[in-house]
Amino acid sequence: QSRSSTLSWKSDFVQPNNGGLHLTLQNALDDTWQQEFAVAVKDWQESDSLVLSTTQVAVDHTCNRVDGVMLVCNGNFGATGWVGINENSIMRGVIVSSV
């Protein structure tokens, strides 16, 4: 895929006549990021295009991806030059997981 490619979530999660993208966020953050997570989710839920649900899961500093959800995690990755990053797993042009 080129950097300018448009990708989409698996159609099972997108319901155009029922609020757009229905997405579960798995909260695998440690305690130091819980407040920021809550604020971000509240902001994202302002969109008519998103229907979000959250589940608390075990803290995962390795950020192992889970198909069908967006895993939100944190860890010390050293001096990377970035503050945050999102990685998507893509199969045949469709996003199947996001970390």
C-alpha atoms as a PDB file:
ATOM      1  CA  GLN A   1       0.000   0.000   0.000  1.00  0.00           C
ATOM      2  CA  SER A   2       1.206   3.491  -0.737  1.00  0.00           C
ATOM      3  CA  ARG A   3       1.223   6.130   1.997  1.00  0.00           C
ATOM      4  CA  SER A   4      -1.705   7.855   0.274  1.00  0.00           C
ATOM      5  CA  SER A   5      -3.874   4.729   0.087  1.00  0.00           C
ATOM      6  CA  THR A   6      -7.279   4.856   1.699  1.00  0.00           C
ATOM      7  CA  LEU A   7      -7.986   1.896   3.931  1.00  0.00           C
ATOM      8  CA  SER A   8     -11.128   0.952   5.786  1.00  0.00           C
ATOM      9  CA  TRP A   9     -12.194  -1.170   8.740  1.00  0.00           C
ATOM     10  CA  LYS A  10     -13.659  -4.599   8.025  1.00  0.00           C
ATOM     11  CA  SER A  11     -17.285  -4.073   6.951  1.00  0.00           C
ATOM     12  CA  ASP A  12     -18.542  -6.013  10.013  1.00  0.00           C
ATOM     13  CA  PHE A  13     -17.616  -2.938  12.086  1.00  0.00           C
ATOM     14  CA  VAL A  14     -18.951  -0.226   9.745  1.00  0.00           C
ATOM     15  CA  GLN A  15     -22.681   0.351   9.753  1.00  0.00           C
ATOM     16  CA  PRO A  16     -23.400   3.392   7.540  1.00  0.00           C
ATOM     17  CA  ASN A  17     -27.060   3.648   8.529  1.00  0.00           C
ATOM     18  CA  ASN A  18     -26.375   3.029  12.198  1.00  0.00           C
ATOM     19  CA  GLY A  19     -23.699   5.449  13.368  1.00  0.00           C
ATOM     20  CA  GLY A  20     -20.685   4.722  11.193  1.00  0.00           C
ATOM     21  CA  LEU A  21     -17.780   2.823  12.713  1.00  0.00           C
ATOM     22  CA  HIS A  22     -18.656   0.598  15.673  1.00  0.00           C
ATOM     23  CA  LEU A  23     -15.389  -0.060  17.480  1.00  0.00           C
ATOM     24  CA  THR A  24     -14.354  -1.661  20.739  1.00  0.00           C
ATOM     25  CA  LEU A  25     -11.350  -0.122  22.454  1.00  0.00           C
ATOM     26  CA  GLN A  26      -9.503  -2.515  24.732  1.00  0.00           C
ATOM     27  CA  ASN A  27      -7.892  -0.497  27.506  1.00  0.00           C
ATOM     28  CA  ALA A  28      -4.576  -2.214  28.305  1.00  0.00           C
ATOM     29  CA  LEU A  29      -3.004   0.933  29.782  1.00  0.00           C
ATOM     30  CA  ASP A  30      -1.322   1.080  33.163  1.00  0.00           C
ATOM     31  CA  ASP A  31      -2.629   3.499  35.799  1.00  0.00           C
ATOM     32  CA  THR A  32      -0.471   6.408  34.604  1.00  0.00           C
ATOM     33  CA  TRP A  33      -2.538   6.813  31.388  1.00  0.00           C
ATOM     34  CA  GLN A  34      -6.116   6.124  32.544  1.00  0.00           C
ATOM     35  CA  GLN A  35      -7.141   9.793  32.811  1.00  0.00           C
ATOM     36  CA  GLU A  36      -5.849  10.612  29.325  1.00  0.00           C
ATOM     37  CA  PHE A  37      -7.637   7.571  27.923  1.00  0.00           C
ATOM     38  CA  ALA A  38     -10.944   8.665  29.466  1.00  0.00           C
ATOM     39  CA  VAL A  39     -10.572  12.189  28.045  1.00  0.00           C
ATOM     40  CA  ALA A  40      -9.681  10.901  24.564  1.00  0.00           C
ATOM     41  CA  VAL A  41     -12.618   8.471  24.471  1.00  0.00           C
ATOM     42  CA  LYS A  42     -14.996  11.219  25.580  1.00  0.00           C
ATOM     43  CA  ASP A  43     -13.679  13.468  22.791  1.00  0.00           C
ATOM     44  CA  TRP A  44     -13.939  10.714  20.157  1.00  0.00           C
ATOM     45  CA  GLN A  45     -17.518   9.929  21.219  1.00  0.00           C
ATOM     46  CA  GLU A  46     -18.534  13.448  20.154  1.00  0.00           C
ATOM     47  CA  SER A  47     -18.406  12.229  16.552  1.00  0.00           C
ATOM     48  CA  ASP A  48     -21.606  11.024  14.891  1.00  0.00           C
ATOM     49  CA  SER A  49     -19.417   8.695  12.830  1.00  0.00           C
ATOM     50  CA  LEU A  50     -18.177   6.626  15.784  1.00  0.00           C
ATOM     51  CA  VAL A  51     -19.909   4.287  18.184  1.00  0.00           C
ATOM     52  CA  LEU A  52     -17.289   3.278  20.745  1.00  0.00           C
ATOM     53  CA  SER A  53     -17.332   0.775  23.555  1.00  0.00           C
ATOM     54  CA  THR A  54     -14.464   0.169  25.945  1.00  0.00           C
ATOM     55  CA  THR A  55     -13.359  -2.860  27.884  1.00  0.00           C
ATOM     56  CA  GLN A  56     -10.684  -3.007  30.557  1.00  0.00           C
ATOM     57  CA  VAL A  57      -8.150  -5.770  29.917  1.00  0.00           C
ATOM     58  CA  ALA A  58      -4.883  -6.730  31.590  1.00  0.00           C
ATOM     59  CA  VAL A  59      -2.068  -4.194  31.264  1.00  0.00           C
ATOM     60  CA  ASP A  60      -0.055  -5.071  28.149  1.00  0.00           C
ATOM     61  CA  HIS A  61       3.225  -3.176  27.786  1.00  0.00           C
ATOM     62  CA  THR A  62       4.135  -5.299  24.742  1.00  0.00           C
ATOM     63  CA  CYS A  63       0.972  -4.160  22.911  1.00  0.00           C
ATOM     64  CA  ASN A  64       0.076  -7.505  21.351  1.00  0.00           C
ATOM     65  CA  ARG A  65      -2.573  -6.911  18.687  1.00  0.00           C
ATOM     66  CA  VAL A  66      -6.075  -8.379  18.918  1.00  0.00           C
ATOM     67  CA  ASP A  67      -8.164  -8.836  15.753  1.00  0.00           C
ATOM     68  CA  GLY A  68     -11.393  -6.855  15.555  1.00  0.00           C
ATOM     69  CA  VAL A  69     -10.584  -4.227  18.191  1.00  0.00           C
ATOM     70  CA  MET A  70      -8.296  -1.295  18.836  1.00  0.00           C
ATOM     71  CA  LEU A  71      -5.914  -2.160  21.658  1.00  0.00           C
ATOM     72  CA  VAL A  72      -4.793   0.922  23.588  1.00  0.00           C
ATOM     73  CA  CYS A  73      -1.557   0.292  25.474  1.00  0.00           C
ATOM     74  CA  ASN A  74       1.556   1.984  26.751  1.00  0.00           C
ATOM     75  CA  GLY A  75       5.139   1.076  27.414  1.00  0.00           C
ATOM     76  CA  ASN A  76       8.630   2.537  27.467  1.00  0.00           C
ATOM     77  CA  PHE A  77       9.970   2.127  23.954  1.00  0.00           C
ATOM     78  CA  GLY A  78      13.075   4.245  24.472  1.00  0.00           C
ATOM     79  CA  ALA A  79      14.131   7.339  22.518  1.00  0.00           C
ATOM     80  CA  THR A  80      12.001   6.835  19.404  1.00  0.00           C
ATOM     81  CA  GLY A  81      11.360  10.458  18.452  1.00  0.00           C
ATOM     82  CA  TRP A  82       7.583   9.958  18.604  1.00  0.00           C
ATOM     83  CA  VAL A  83       5.074  10.483  21.399  1.00  0.00           C
ATOM     84  CA  GLY A  84       2.505   7.950  20.239  1.00  0.00           C
ATOM     85  CA  ILE A  85       2.012   5.639  17.315  1.00  0.00           C
ATOM     86  CA  ASN A  86      -0.761   3.526  15.832  1.00  0.00           C
ATOM     87  CA  GLU A  87      -0.125   0.356  13.868  1.00  0.00           C
ATOM     88  CA  ASN A  88      -2.821  -1.305  11.784  1.00  0.00           C
ATOM     89  CA  SER A  89      -2.928  -4.881  10.589  1.00  0.00           C
ATOM     90  CA  ILE A  90      -4.251  -4.864   7.029  1.00  0.00           C
ATOM     91  CA  MET A  91      -5.512  -7.783   4.970  1.00  0.00           C
ATOM     92  CA  ARG A  92      -6.668  -7.206   1.371  1.00  0.00           C
ATOM     93  CA  GLY A  93      -6.994  -3.450   1.960  1.00  0.00           C
ATOM     94  CA  VAL A  94      -9.088  -3.824   5.115  1.00  0.00           C
ATOM     95  CA  ILE A  95      -8.008  -2.897   8.651  1.00  0.00           C
ATOM     96  CA  VAL A  96      -8.486  -5.950  10.869  1.00  0.00           C
ATOM     97  CA  SER A  97      -6.770  -4.735  14.041  1.00  0.00           C
ATOM     98  CA  SER A  98      -5.207  -1.604  15.451  1.00  0.00           C
ATOM     99  CA  VAL A  99      -2.656  -1.122  18.214  1.00  0.00           C
END
